[in-house]
Amino acid sequence: MVIEIWTLGKNNDPFIEEGVQIYLQKLKPWCTVTMHILSLPKKLSTDKPEQLMAAEEALVLKRLNPTDCLILLDEHGKMLNSEAWSSQFQNLMNRSVKKVVLLIGGAYGVSDRIKELAHEKWSLSRLVFPHQLVRLIVAEQVYRSFSILNHTPYHHS
């Protein structure tokens, strides 16, 4: 199974990028995980959330394949602990899912169309985090999930 983390917005700050790459590197023995930052053209500057979400929707739909399992990370999604994340990934592997897309929405969330296409909606927390920090948290949680599945001492339960 391949996991792609898609995030809408600008490039990572160097310290965030370094942390993300550390976790993605640690995942290599178990799973291929990549991060893709989907950026809108700079010429598209708008303060209208609807226009921004429509442009972001187009970016996502352009990349999304019908066979991809889209999991939307959304503040209104299911609240899962780390063991539940690992169970979810195990279930996806058991179902022979080839590619999982973990989507981190933009500043205003995602369009209704993207919400409809999502196979699952997961929440990281009731707290609100900056998008760049969410990228690091997601990379760490994917690593933690696979460390649980592979019985390494990283996760202490």
C-alpha atoms as a PDB file:
ATOM      1  CA  MET A   1       0.000   0.000   0.000  1.00  0.00           C
ATOM      2  CA  VAL A   2       1.161   3.499  -0.844  1.00  0.00           C
ATOM      3  CA  ILE A   3       0.169   6.456   1.304  1.00  0.00           C
ATOM      4  CA  GLU A   4       0.191   9.991  -0.031  1.00  0.00           C
ATOM      5  CA  ILE A   5      -0.329  12.960   2.253  1.00  0.00           C
ATOM      6  CA  TRP A   6      -1.836  15.807   0.242  1.00  0.00           C
ATOM      7  CA  THR A   7      -1.910  19.251   1.727  1.00  0.00           C
ATOM      8  CA  LEU A   8      -3.217  22.496   0.331  1.00  0.00           C
ATOM      9  CA  GLY A   9      -1.164  25.622   0.810  1.00  0.00           C
ATOM     10  CA  LYS A  10       2.384  26.850   0.674  1.00  0.00           C
ATOM     11  CA  ASN A  11       5.663  24.995   1.082  1.00  0.00           C
ATOM     12  CA  ASN A  12       6.803  23.915   4.503  1.00  0.00           C
ATOM     13  CA  ASP A  13       9.018  26.040   6.668  1.00  0.00           C
ATOM     14  CA  PRO A  14      12.448  24.368   6.829  1.00  0.00           C
ATOM     15  CA  PHE A  15      12.036  23.090  10.388  1.00  0.00           C
ATOM     16  CA  ILE A  16       8.656  21.508   9.524  1.00  0.00           C
ATOM     17  CA  GLU A  17      10.052  19.975   6.335  1.00  0.00           C
ATOM     18  CA  GLU A  18      12.953  18.466   8.264  1.00  0.00           C
ATOM     19  CA  GLY A  19      10.592  16.853  10.775  1.00  0.00           C
ATOM     20  CA  VAL A  20       8.278  15.519   8.063  1.00  0.00           C
ATOM     21  CA  GLN A  21      11.213  13.997   6.167  1.00  0.00           C
ATOM     22  CA  ILE A  22      12.497  12.285   9.317  1.00  0.00           C
ATOM     23  CA  TYR A  23       9.189  10.434   9.738  1.00  0.00           C
ATOM     24  CA  LEU A  24       8.802   9.632   6.042  1.00  0.00           C
ATOM     25  CA  GLN A  25      12.320   8.177   6.027  1.00  0.00           C
ATOM     26  CA  LYS A  26      11.576   6.042   9.095  1.00  0.00           C
ATOM     27  CA  LEU A  27       8.522   4.599   7.316  1.00  0.00           C
ATOM     28  CA  LYS A  28      10.513   3.248   4.357  1.00  0.00           C
ATOM     29  CA  PRO A  29      10.966  -0.300   5.692  1.00  0.00           C
ATOM     30  CA  TRP A  30       7.184  -0.708   6.007  1.00  0.00           C
ATOM     31  CA  CYS A  31       5.400   1.519   3.546  1.00  0.00           C
ATOM     32  CA  THR A  32       5.919   4.145   0.867  1.00  0.00           C
ATOM     33  CA  VAL A  33       4.660   7.470   2.159  1.00  0.00           C
ATOM     34  CA  THR A  34       5.060  10.767   0.337  1.00  0.00           C
ATOM     35  CA  MET A  35       3.873  14.303   0.956  1.00  0.00           C
ATOM     36  CA  HIS A  36       2.523  16.468  -1.838  1.00  0.00           C
ATOM     37  CA  ILE A  37       1.894  20.162  -1.341  1.00  0.00           C
ATOM     38  CA  LEU A  38      -0.833  21.318  -3.727  1.00  0.00           C
ATOM     39  CA  SER A  39      -0.334  25.019  -4.237  1.00  0.00           C
ATOM     40  CA  LEU A  40      -2.603  27.405  -6.041  1.00  0.00           C
ATOM     41  CA  PRO A  41      -1.086  29.804  -8.572  1.00  0.00           C
ATOM     42  CA  LYS A  42       0.043  33.035  -6.978  1.00  0.00           C
ATOM     43  CA  LYS A  43      -2.096  34.995  -9.434  1.00  0.00           C
ATOM     44  CA  LEU A  44      -5.185  33.512  -7.803  1.00  0.00           C
ATOM     45  CA  SER A  45      -5.465  35.815  -4.852  1.00  0.00           C
ATOM     46  CA  THR A  46      -8.911  36.039  -3.422  1.00  0.00           C
ATOM     47  CA  ASP A  47     -10.454  36.745  -0.093  1.00  0.00           C
ATOM     48  CA  LYS A  48     -13.581  34.804  -1.086  1.00  0.00           C
ATOM     49  CA  PRO A  49     -13.575  31.395   0.611  1.00  0.00           C
ATOM     50  CA  GLU A  50     -15.908  29.886  -2.009  1.00  0.00           C
ATOM     51  CA  GLN A  51     -13.546  30.771  -4.874  1.00  0.00           C
ATOM     52  CA  LEU A  52     -10.549  29.486  -2.968  1.00  0.00           C
ATOM     53  CA  MET A  53     -12.244  26.191  -2.092  1.00  0.00           C
ATOM     54  CA  ALA A  54     -13.379  25.737  -5.712  1.00  0.00           C
ATOM     55  CA  ALA A  55      -9.807  26.236  -6.955  1.00  0.00           C
ATOM     56  CA  GLU A  56      -8.486  23.822  -4.311  1.00  0.00           C
ATOM     57  CA  GLU A  57     -11.187  21.294  -5.276  1.00  0.00           C
ATOM     58  CA  ALA A  58      -9.975  21.434  -8.883  1.00  0.00           C
ATOM     59  CA  LEU A  59      -6.404  20.720  -7.740  1.00  0.00           C
ATOM     60  CA  VAL A  60      -7.522  17.693  -5.743  1.00  0.00           C
ATOM     61  CA  LEU A  61      -9.827  16.307  -8.432  1.00  0.00           C
ATOM     62  CA  LYS A  62      -7.082  16.633 -11.037  1.00  0.00           C
ATOM     63  CA  ARG A  63      -4.839  14.284  -8.995  1.00  0.00           C
ATOM     64  CA  LEU A  64      -7.388  11.939  -7.463  1.00  0.00           C
ATOM     65  CA  ASN A  65      -7.887   8.588  -9.173  1.00  0.00           C
ATOM     66  CA  PRO A  66     -11.166   6.657  -8.855  1.00  0.00           C
ATOM     67  CA  THR A  67      -9.339   3.776  -7.162  1.00  0.00           C
ATOM     68  CA  ASP A  68      -7.715   5.998  -4.503  1.00  0.00           C
ATOM     69  CA  CYS A  69      -9.015   5.707  -0.963  1.00  0.00           C
ATOM     70  CA  LEU A  70      -9.485   9.333   0.087  1.00  0.00           C
ATOM     71  CA  ILE A  71      -9.363  10.032   3.812  1.00  0.00           C
ATOM     72  CA  LEU A  72     -10.179  13.601   4.683  1.00  0.00           C
ATOM     73  CA  LEU A  73      -8.562  15.040   7.800  1.00  0.00           C
ATOM     74  CA  ASP A  74     -11.304  17.286   9.082  1.00  0.00           C
ATOM     75  CA  GLU A  75     -12.118  18.823  12.440  1.00  0.00           C
ATOM     76  CA  HIS A  76     -15.602  17.267  12.228  1.00  0.00           C
ATOM     77  CA  GLY A  77     -14.337  13.780  11.410  1.00  0.00           C
ATOM     78  CA  LYS A  78     -14.088  10.701  13.620  1.00  0.00           C
ATOM     79  CA  MET A  79     -11.770  11.185  16.557  1.00  0.00           C
ATOM     80  CA  LEU A  80      -9.354   8.244  16.486  1.00  0.00           C
ATOM     81  CA  ASN A  81      -6.505   7.379  18.817  1.00  0.00           C
ATOM     82  CA  SER A  82      -3.178   6.021  17.549  1.00  0.00           C
ATOM     83  CA  GLU A  83      -4.229   2.379  17.917  1.00  0.00           C
ATOM     84  CA  ALA A  84      -7.340   3.093  15.853  1.00  0.00           C
ATOM     85  CA  TRP A  85      -5.220   4.702  13.129  1.00  0.00           C
ATOM     86  CA  SER A  86      -3.082   1.575  12.989  1.00  0.00           C
ATOM     87  CA  SER A  87      -6.203  -0.616  12.837  1.00  0.00           C
ATOM     88  CA  GLN A  88      -7.603   1.501  10.021  1.00  0.00           C
ATOM     89  CA  PHE A  89      -4.383   1.115   8.034  1.00  0.00           C
ATOM     90  CA  GLN A  90      -4.377  -2.635   8.691  1.00  0.00           C
ATOM     91  CA  ASN A  91      -7.969  -2.866   7.439  1.00  0.00           C
ATOM     92  CA  LEU A  92      -7.043  -0.975   4.279  1.00  0.00           C
ATOM     93  CA  MET A  93      -4.112  -3.319   3.669  1.00  0.00           C
ATOM     94  CA  ASN A  94      -6.359  -6.341   4.294  1.00  0.00           C
ATOM     95  CA  ARG A  95      -8.714  -4.985   1.627  1.00  0.00           C
ATOM     96  CA  SER A  96      -5.732  -4.665  -0.767  1.00  0.00           C
ATOM     97  CA  VAL A  97      -6.162  -0.910  -1.147  1.00  0.00           C
ATOM     98  CA  LYS A  98      -3.328   0.215  -3.399  1.00  0.00           C
ATOM     99  CA  LYS A  99      -3.237   3.932  -2.558  1.00  0.00           C
ATOM    100  CA  VAL A 100      -4.496   5.912   0.412  1.00  0.00           C
ATOM    101  CA  VAL A 101      -4.673   9.687   0.178  1.00  0.00           C
ATOM    102  CA  LEU A 102      -4.709  11.574   3.477  1.00  0.00           C
ATOM    103  CA  LEU A 103      -5.996  15.030   2.573  1.00  0.00           C
ATOM    104  CA  ILE A 104      -5.294  18.062   4.755  1.00  0.00           C
ATOM    105  CA  GLY A 105      -7.733  20.738   3.615  1.00  0.00           C
ATOM    106  CA  GLY A 106      -7.094  24.409   3.074  1.00  0.00           C
ATOM    107  CA  ALA A 107      -7.653  27.306   5.432  1.00  0.00           C
ATOM    108  CA  TYR A 108     -11.429  27.217   4.866  1.00  0.00           C
ATOM    109  CA  GLY A 109     -11.743  23.443   4.758  1.00  0.00           C
ATOM    110  CA  VAL A 110     -12.770  21.572   1.610  1.00  0.00           C
ATOM    111  CA  SER A 111     -15.721  21.736  -0.745  1.00  0.00           C
ATOM    112  CA  ASP A 112     -18.829  19.616  -0.325  1.00  0.00           C
ATOM    113  CA  ARG A 113     -17.790  17.641  -3.417  1.00  0.00           C
ATOM    114  CA  ILE A 114     -14.517  16.602  -1.760  1.00  0.00           C
ATOM    115  CA  LYS A 115     -16.385  15.698   1.435  1.00  0.00           C
ATOM    116  CA  GLU A 116     -18.716  13.478  -0.618  1.00  0.00           C
ATOM    117  CA  LEU A 117     -15.787  11.734  -2.308  1.00  0.00           C
ATOM    118  CA  ALA A 118     -14.027  10.986   0.972  1.00  0.00           C
ATOM    119  CA  HIS A 119     -14.233   7.362   2.055  1.00  0.00           C
ATOM    120  CA  GLU A 120     -13.552   8.412   5.635  1.00  0.00           C
ATOM    121  CA  LYS A 121     -13.225  11.597   7.658  1.00  0.00           C
ATOM    122  CA  TRP A 122     -10.797  11.594  10.569  1.00  0.00           C
ATOM    123  CA  SER A 123     -10.131  14.328  13.097  1.00  0.00           C
ATOM    124  CA  LEU A 124      -6.739  14.866  14.682  1.00  0.00           C
ATOM    125  CA  SER A 125      -8.030  16.873  17.620  1.00  0.00           C
ATOM    126  CA  ARG A 126     -10.656  19.294  18.780  1.00  0.00           C
ATOM    127  CA  LEU A 127      -7.874  21.864  18.777  1.00  0.00           C
ATOM    128  CA  VAL A 128      -7.071  23.941  15.708  1.00  0.00           C
ATOM    129  CA  PHE A 129      -3.478  23.724  14.448  1.00  0.00           C
ATOM    130  CA  PRO A 130      -1.579  25.622  11.760  1.00  0.00           C
ATOM    131  CA  HIS A 131      -1.600  23.642   8.508  1.00  0.00           C
ATOM    132  CA  GLN A 132       2.162  23.195   8.470  1.00  0.00           C
ATOM    133  CA  LEU A 133       2.104  21.709  11.967  1.00  0.00           C
ATOM    134  CA  VAL A 134      -0.705  19.358  10.909  1.00  0.00           C
ATOM    135  CA  ARG A 135       1.596  18.020   8.184  1.00  0.00           C
ATOM    136  CA  LEU A 136       4.177  17.087  10.793  1.00  0.00           C
ATOM    137  CA  ILE A 137       1.554  15.581  13.114  1.00  0.00           C
ATOM    138  CA  VAL A 138       0.111  13.464  10.298  1.00  0.00           C
ATOM    139  CA  ALA A 139       3.554  12.212   9.250  1.00  0.00           C
ATOM    140  CA  GLU A 140       4.284  11.280  12.865  1.00  0.00           C
ATOM    141  CA  GLN A 141       0.930   9.533  13.331  1.00  0.00           C
ATOM    142  CA  VAL A 142       1.401   7.467  10.175  1.00  0.00           C
ATOM    143  CA  TYR A 143       4.826   6.458  11.492  1.00  0.00           C
ATOM    144  CA  ARG A 144       3.349   5.680  14.920  1.00  0.00           C
ATOM    145  CA  SER A 145       0.599   3.585  13.295  1.00  0.00           C
ATOM    146  CA  PHE A 146       3.068   1.461  11.402  1.00  0.00           C
ATOM    147  CA  SER A 147       5.331   1.147  14.436  1.00  0.00           C
ATOM    148  CA  ILE A 148       2.300  -0.246  16.309  1.00  0.00           C
ATOM    149  CA  LEU A 149       1.551  -2.666  13.469  1.00  0.00           C
ATOM    150  CA  ASN A 150       5.185  -3.791  13.446  1.00  0.00           C
ATOM    151  CA  HIS A 151       5.474  -4.081  17.245  1.00  0.00           C
ATOM    152  CA  THR A 152       8.339  -1.655  17.678  1.00  0.00           C
ATOM    153  CA  PRO A 153       8.919   0.061  21.030  1.00  0.00           C
ATOM    154  CA  TYR A 154       8.196   3.571  19.620  1.00  0.00           C
ATOM    155  CA  HIS A 155       4.575   3.534  20.827  1.00  0.00           C
ATOM    156  CA  HIS A 156       4.218   2.816  24.544  1.00  0.00           C
ATOM    157  CA  SER A 157       0.715   1.741  25.451  1.00  0.00           C
END
